[in-house]
Structure formats: structure tokens, C-alpha cells
Amino acid sequence: MAIKKYKPTTPGRRAMSVIDYSHLNKAERRKKLTKVIKKNAGRNNQGRVTVRHRGGGVKRLYRTIDFKRFDKIDVPARVEKIEYDPNRTAFIALLLYEDGERRYILAPEGLKVSDKVICSKKAKIKLGNRVQIGHIPVGFNVHDVEIQPGKGAQMIRSAGSYGQISSQDGKLAQITLPSGSVRYIAKECYATIGQVSNLDHSNITIGKAGRKRKMGWRPQVLGKSMNATDHPHGGGEGHTAISPKMPKTPWGMPALGVKTRRRKRYSDYLIIKSRRKKKK
């Protein structure tokens, strides 16, 4: 996989870069696996804007991804296609099971067309196979990790990310997450072997505002550029500095570095090492 850069024919093209998708298969719509996304432009059921700076964007079809694969345990599947998904940063793989059913999964880095994969409690430790964490040796990279048995994959799903099995302790296994934190997870949970595809996603440059608009993002304006009635940072002559003790949200609440996480959560006892290094 590589990053493509264009000749600087326009100011927007000068800095723009894109992922080379030439190695992907051309996608054909499968009605059973796709559905239309209804856009709400950041509005709730009352029509009020609850998420700012959203709206517009290119129409997308949602690809239904199988994050569980439980009802296909011990059923081998062949990778039929590797496709682009506009709804996520990673690529997706279309699997054709031996019983004739097709499903999408997140494509691991290095997975190729015609490769065989399987979901099993004690499957071979091979790229793309989904195995219970208790049967994965220490040191292997994993993604698509379950947090609660039977709930499906919830962690490590973005492009290029992976976790690592650190140890197997009793009924729990230790996994080092992409953030650097170490967490206990039940051995009955499933995980997929390998690293998530599209490693170069973080290296692309958007290049111009119009490309961001096509992604469904509207412009953002600094609070200090607004009037005093519109934002706590607004008003004054020109751009005035924000006092380091008084940064606020548009609604007057403290911002920039304020902790919002509750002090105690039900999952705190599962976190062995926090992703935040404590200052000595």
C-alpha cells in the first residue's frame, strides 16, 4: 500500500495526498449486506443541533460488518474481495462461507483474496482467524477484541491499530492496547489475529476544506472570533488572547484539559496500567 501525491496543479492539490486503492476490488452493491444511512446533520429527534459542525457530505451506503462470527464457528470461509468502506478507516473483506453465505469483516493487514479464515475456540493462530483470547499465545497481535463475552468486537477496530497479548492469568488475560494501557479481559472473549488494515491512513493530508465538506464536516470557527453574545471568548478588538485560567465551552463550562471522566467506573479494576503516565 502506498500514498499517492498529485502534481501541484492547484493550491489544494499541492499538499493533498490520498491512499492508493488500486489493490482493492471494485465493490458491487449487495442488498443483503448494505443499507442506506439517513443523515441527521447532528440533530436529534426534535430537530435541534446537538453535535456542531456536521452536515452535507457524499451519500454513503452502510456495509453491515460481522463483529461476532459466533454463528459461523468452525465454518471455513474464503476471502472473496478486499473492499473500501467509506464509513470506517479500515478496509473490509468479503467472506464466502462453505454454506454459501457472504459476510463482511474488518480486513487485517496482509490478508489477500482466496485466503482461508475461520472462527473457532481453538483455531490455528493464523492471520484473519478469530480465536478465543485464552487460546492465543503471548506476544501475538490481535484486533477486533471483545470486552464482554458474546457482545461482539468493540475495541481495536480503527486503521493500523493492534493490541498484544501480554499474559494469561487464571481466568483473565492481559492485553496491551494501542493507547499503551494494559487491561484484563476474560479468556472467553474472542479476538482476531493480526493488525487492522490501511496502515497509511494517518499519513494522508486532506489538503483543502472542500474535501472535508464531502466527508460531512462543516467549518469550525474559533470562539475568540465571535461576538461576546455568541461565545465566552468573543468580543474585544480583534483576536484577544484566552486567559489560561478561563478557557470555556460555548455554554460557559470549563474547557481545555478539564477531566470529564467519573472518578470511579465499573471497569476500573480491569485496568492494570493507565494510558496516562503519572507525573513524578
Protein backbone atom coordinates (compact mmCIF):
# COMPACT_ATOMS: atom_id res chain seq x y z
CA MET A 1 0.00 0.00 0.00
CA ALA A 2 1.23 3.48 -0.81
CA ILE A 3 0.27 7.12 -0.60
CA LYS A 4 -0.37 8.96 -3.88
CA LYS A 5 0.64 12.58 -4.36
CA TYR A 6 -0.52 14.67 -7.29
CA LYS A 7 1.18 17.39 -9.28
CA PRO A 8 0.50 20.84 -7.75
CA THR A 9 -1.95 21.93 -10.45
CA THR A 10 -3.96 23.93 -7.87
CA PRO A 11 -3.27 25.20 -4.35
CA GLY A 12 -5.50 22.45 -2.96
CA ARG A 13 -3.69 19.75 -4.91
CA ARG A 14 -0.27 20.94 -3.77
CA ALA A 15 -0.49 19.46 -0.29
CA MET A 16 -3.14 16.80 -0.93
CA SER A 17 -2.39 13.10 -0.66
CA VAL A 18 -4.60 10.02 -0.94
CA ILE A 19 -4.34 6.30 -0.31
CA ASP A 20 -3.62 4.17 -3.38
CA TYR A 21 -6.70 1.98 -3.73
CA SER A 22 -5.56 0.16 -6.86
CA HIS A 23 -5.07 -3.10 -4.96
CA LEU A 24 -8.71 -3.16 -3.80
CA ASN A 25 -11.51 -4.96 -5.62
CA LYS A 26 -14.31 -2.98 -7.23
CA ALA A 27 -17.36 -3.14 -4.97
CA GLU A 28 -20.79 -4.16 -6.23
CA ARG A 29 -23.80 -3.39 -4.08
CA ARG A 30 -25.09 -6.42 -2.18
CA LYS A 31 -28.59 -5.61 -0.95
CA LYS A 32 -28.39 -8.08 1.95
CA LEU A 33 -25.17 -6.53 3.27
CA THR A 34 -25.78 -2.81 2.62
CA LYS A 35 -28.33 -0.23 3.69
CA VAL A 36 -28.85 3.50 3.21
CA ILE A 37 -27.75 5.79 6.05
CA LYS A 38 -30.22 8.52 6.91
CA LYS A 39 -28.25 11.67 7.73
CA ASN A 40 -29.36 13.98 10.52
CA ALA A 41 -26.69 16.73 10.27
CA GLY A 42 -26.01 16.50 14.01
CA ARG A 43 -29.66 16.97 15.00
CA ASN A 44 -31.69 14.96 17.49
CA ASN A 45 -35.28 13.73 17.22
CA GLN A 46 -36.52 17.26 18.00
CA GLY A 47 -34.54 18.80 15.15
CA ARG A 48 -32.13 20.63 17.43
CA VAL A 49 -28.40 20.66 16.76
CA THR A 50 -26.74 18.52 19.42
CA VAL A 51 -23.44 17.98 17.58
CA ARG A 52 -21.98 21.05 15.92
CA HIS A 53 -20.07 21.27 12.64
CA ARG A 54 -21.87 18.39 10.92
CA GLY A 55 -23.82 18.41 7.68
CA GLY A 56 -23.66 17.76 3.96
CA GLY A 57 -21.29 15.15 2.67
CA VAL A 58 -21.43 12.48 -0.01
CA LYS A 59 -24.19 9.88 0.24
CA ARG A 60 -22.97 6.58 1.66
CA LEU A 61 -24.18 3.01 1.85
CA TYR A 62 -23.54 1.30 5.17
CA ARG A 63 -21.81 -2.07 4.94
CA THR A 64 -23.01 -4.45 7.66
CA ILE A 65 -19.89 -5.84 9.36
CA ASP A 66 -19.99 -9.13 11.26
CA PHE A 67 -18.19 -8.28 14.51
CA LYS A 68 -19.26 -11.54 16.19
CA ARG A 69 -18.96 -14.51 13.79
CA PHE A 70 -20.36 -16.76 16.56
CA ASP A 71 -22.98 -18.47 14.42
CA LYS A 72 -20.23 -19.44 11.97
CA ILE A 73 -17.97 -21.24 14.44
CA ASP A 74 -15.87 -23.94 12.75
CA VAL A 75 -17.26 -23.00 9.31
CA PRO A 76 -14.33 -22.19 6.95
CA ALA A 77 -14.58 -19.14 4.72
CA ARG A 78 -12.70 -17.89 1.68
CA VAL A 79 -11.80 -14.24 1.16
CA GLU A 80 -13.66 -13.21 -1.97
CA LYS A 81 -12.82 -9.47 -2.08
CA ILE A 82 -10.96 -6.74 -0.22
CA GLU A 83 -13.04 -3.55 -0.48
CA TYR A 84 -13.08 0.11 0.51
CA ASP A 85 -15.59 1.17 3.15
CA PRO A 86 -16.49 4.89 3.31
CA ASN A 87 -17.85 4.51 6.84
CA ARG A 88 -14.61 3.44 8.54
CA THR A 89 -10.87 3.95 8.28
CA ALA A 90 -10.02 0.28 7.72
CA PHE A 91 -10.64 -1.84 4.62
CA ILE A 92 -13.18 -4.65 4.73
CA ALA A 93 -13.08 -8.22 3.44
CA LEU A 94 -15.98 -10.09 1.87
CA LEU A 95 -16.05 -13.71 3.08
CA LEU A 96 -17.74 -16.58 1.25
CA TYR A 97 -18.54 -19.36 3.73
CA GLU A 98 -18.77 -23.01 2.74
CA ASP A 99 -22.53 -22.92 3.29
CA GLY A 100 -22.83 -20.21 0.60
CA GLU A 101 -23.43 -17.18 2.85
CA ARG A 102 -21.43 -13.98 2.41
CA ARG A 103 -20.43 -11.57 5.18
CA TYR A 104 -18.14 -8.59 5.68
CA ILE A 105 -15.37 -8.47 8.29
CA LEU A 106 -12.60 -5.97 9.03
CA ALA A 107 -9.65 -6.85 6.82
CA PRO A 108 -6.36 -7.48 8.67
CA GLU A 109 -3.16 -6.12 7.15
CA GLY A 110 -1.73 -8.71 4.76
CA LEU A 111 -4.98 -10.61 4.12
CA LYS A 112 -5.35 -11.49 0.44
CA VAL A 113 -8.05 -12.73 -1.89
CA SER A 114 -8.52 -16.55 -1.78
CA ASP A 115 -7.08 -16.80 1.74
CA LYS A 116 -8.95 -19.16 4.10
CA VAL A 117 -10.09 -17.95 7.53
CA ILE A 118 -12.17 -19.46 10.32
CA CYS A 119 -13.73 -18.58 13.66
CA SER A 120 -13.18 -21.22 16.33
CA LYS A 121 -12.36 -21.58 20.01
CA LYS A 122 -9.01 -23.25 19.24
CA ALA A 123 -8.30 -22.35 15.63
CA LYS A 124 -4.82 -22.21 14.14
CA ILE A 125 -3.03 -18.97 15.02
CA LYS A 126 -3.19 -17.55 11.52
CA LEU A 127 -3.86 -14.10 10.05
CA GLY A 128 -7.61 -13.39 9.95
CA ASN A 129 -8.67 -16.28 12.18
CA ARG A 130 -10.93 -15.41 15.12
CA VAL A 131 -9.99 -17.27 18.30
CA GLN A 132 -10.82 -17.13 21.99
CA ILE A 133 -8.25 -14.98 23.79
CA GLY A 134 -7.43 -17.78 26.22
CA HIS A 135 -6.04 -19.87 23.34
CA ILE A 136 -3.86 -17.13 21.78
CA PRO A 137 -0.17 -17.34 22.77
CA VAL A 138 1.53 -14.43 24.50
CA GLY A 139 3.10 -11.89 22.15
CA PHE A 140 0.67 -12.19 19.23
CA ASN A 141 -1.00 -9.10 17.76
CA VAL A 142 -4.79 -9.00 17.82
CA HIS A 143 -7.64 -6.67 16.84
CA ASP A 144 -11.46 -6.73 16.87
CA VAL A 145 -11.36 -7.54 20.58
CA GLU A 146 -14.43 -8.31 22.68
CA ILE A 147 -14.84 -6.71 26.09
CA GLN A 148 -17.76 -8.82 27.30
CA PRO A 149 -18.28 -12.42 26.12
CA GLY A 150 -20.97 -12.66 23.45
CA LYS A 151 -21.27 -8.93 22.82
CA GLY A 152 -19.06 -8.75 19.72
CA ALA A 153 -15.90 -6.80 18.98
CA GLN A 154 -15.77 -3.31 20.48
CA MET A 155 -12.06 -2.48 20.75
CA ILE A 156 -9.15 -2.05 18.33
CA ARG A 157 -11.07 -1.55 15.09
CA SER A 158 -9.51 1.57 13.52
CA ALA A 159 -6.97 1.54 10.69
CA GLY A 160 -3.49 0.31 11.59
CA SER A 161 -4.28 -0.43 15.23
CA TYR A 162 -3.47 -3.62 17.13
CA GLY A 163 -3.23 -4.95 20.65
CA GLN A 164 -0.87 -7.51 22.06
CA ILE A 165 -1.47 -10.45 24.38
CA SER A 166 0.75 -9.69 27.39
CA SER A 167 -0.01 -12.63 29.68
CA GLN A 168 -2.56 -15.29 30.59
CA ASP A 169 -3.50 -15.08 34.29
CA GLY A 170 -6.09 -17.54 35.60
CA LYS A 171 -9.49 -16.68 34.11
CA LEU A 172 -8.26 -13.38 32.70
CA ALA A 173 -5.77 -12.35 30.03
CA GLN A 174 -3.75 -9.15 29.89
CA ILE A 175 -3.87 -7.16 26.64
CA THR A 176 -1.74 -4.13 25.84
CA LEU A 177 -3.99 -1.70 23.97
CA PRO A 178 -2.90 0.75 21.23
CA SER A 179 -3.08 3.61 23.77
CA GLY A 180 -0.41 1.92 25.88
CA SER A 181 -2.74 0.91 28.69
CA VAL A 182 -2.84 -2.70 29.90
CA ARG A 183 -6.23 -4.25 30.62
CA TYR A 184 -7.68 -7.52 31.87
CA ILE A 185 -10.12 -9.26 29.51
CA ALA A 186 -11.96 -12.56 30.04
CA LYS A 187 -10.41 -15.51 28.25
CA GLU A 188 -13.83 -16.45 26.80
CA CYS A 189 -13.81 -13.27 24.70
CA TYR A 190 -12.85 -13.53 21.04
CA ALA A 191 -10.20 -11.61 19.10
CA THR A 192 -8.94 -11.68 15.52
CA ILE A 193 -5.29 -12.40 14.76
CA GLY A 194 -3.30 -9.62 13.09
CA GLN A 195 -3.24 -5.86 12.68
CA VAL A 196 -6.06 -3.78 11.17
CA SER A 197 -5.51 -2.86 7.51
CA ASN A 198 -4.83 0.56 5.93
CA LEU A 199 -1.72 1.46 7.92
CA ASP A 200 -1.11 4.67 5.97
CA HIS A 201 -4.46 6.23 6.87
CA SER A 202 -2.88 8.50 9.49
CA ASN A 203 -0.32 9.79 6.96
CA ILE A 204 -2.70 11.29 4.40
CA THR A 205 -3.19 15.06 4.10
CA ILE A 206 -6.70 16.37 3.45
CA GLY A 207 -5.29 19.33 1.50
CA LYS A 208 -8.35 21.58 1.24
CA ALA A 209 -11.58 22.47 3.01
CA GLY A 210 -13.78 21.19 0.17
CA ARG A 211 -12.59 17.65 0.69
CA LYS A 212 -13.53 17.86 4.35
CA ARG A 213 -17.01 19.10 3.40
CA LYS A 214 -17.50 15.96 1.30
CA MET A 215 -16.83 13.93 4.43
CA GLY A 216 -19.76 15.57 6.18
CA TRP A 217 -17.90 18.20 8.22
CA ARG A 218 -18.87 21.87 8.25
CA PRO A 219 -16.49 24.74 9.08
CA GLN A 220 -15.39 25.46 12.63
CA VAL A 221 -14.93 28.99 13.93
CA LEU A 222 -12.77 29.99 16.89
CA GLY A 223 -14.68 31.34 19.87
CA LYS A 224 -12.46 34.42 20.05
CA SER A 225 -13.54 35.32 16.51
CA MET A 226 -17.18 35.58 17.63
CA ASN A 227 -19.14 38.28 19.36
CA ALA A 228 -19.37 38.33 23.13
CA THR A 229 -23.02 37.25 22.94
CA ASP A 230 -22.12 34.13 20.96
CA HIS A 231 -19.17 32.77 22.91
CA PRO A 232 -17.41 33.41 26.26
CA HIS A 233 -14.15 34.01 24.35
CA GLY A 234 -15.75 36.51 21.98
CA GLY A 235 -15.73 40.29 21.91
CA GLY A 236 -12.91 42.78 22.13
CA GLU A 237 -10.81 44.37 19.41
CA GLY A 238 -9.59 41.74 17.01
CA HIS A 239 -8.31 38.40 18.28
CA THR A 240 -7.82 38.67 22.02
CA ALA A 241 -5.90 36.05 23.97
CA ILE A 242 -7.70 33.43 26.05
CA SER A 243 -6.74 33.59 29.70
CA PRO A 244 -5.12 30.26 30.70
CA LYS A 245 -7.37 30.06 33.76
CA MET A 246 -10.61 30.84 31.96
CA PRO A 247 -11.00 28.74 28.76
CA LYS A 248 -14.70 27.95 28.32
CA THR A 249 -17.00 25.98 26.08
CA PRO A 250 -19.66 27.91 24.11
CA TRP A 251 -22.01 27.20 27.03
CA GLY A 252 -19.71 28.58 29.71
CA MET A 253 -18.37 25.32 31.11
CA PRO A 254 -14.63 24.85 31.80
CA ALA A 255 -12.68 23.52 28.79
CA LEU A 256 -9.18 22.58 27.61
CA GLY A 257 -7.74 19.98 29.95
CA VAL A 258 -10.64 19.60 32.38
CA LYS A 259 -11.25 15.98 33.36
CA THR A 260 -14.74 14.77 32.49
CA ARG A 261 -14.43 11.08 33.40
CA ARG A 262 -16.18 9.96 36.57
CA ARG A 263 -13.80 9.12 39.39
CA LYS A 264 -14.95 5.52 39.69
CA ARG A 265 -16.23 3.26 36.95
CA TYR A 266 -17.24 -0.38 36.98
CA SER A 267 -14.28 -1.25 34.74
CA ASP A 268 -11.56 0.43 36.80
CA TYR A 269 -10.50 -2.82 38.44
CA LEU A 270 -9.77 -4.32 35.00
CA ILE A 271 -7.30 -1.57 34.05
CA ILE A 272 -3.80 -2.54 35.23
CA LYS A 273 -1.86 0.31 33.67
CA SER A 274 -3.43 3.61 32.62
CA ARG A 275 -2.68 5.20 29.27
CA ARG A 276 -1.79 8.40 31.12
CA LYS A 277 1.64 8.44 32.70
CA LYS A 278 1.61 9.93 36.17
CA LYS A 279 4.00 12.81 36.77
CA LYS A 280 6.67 12.12 39.37
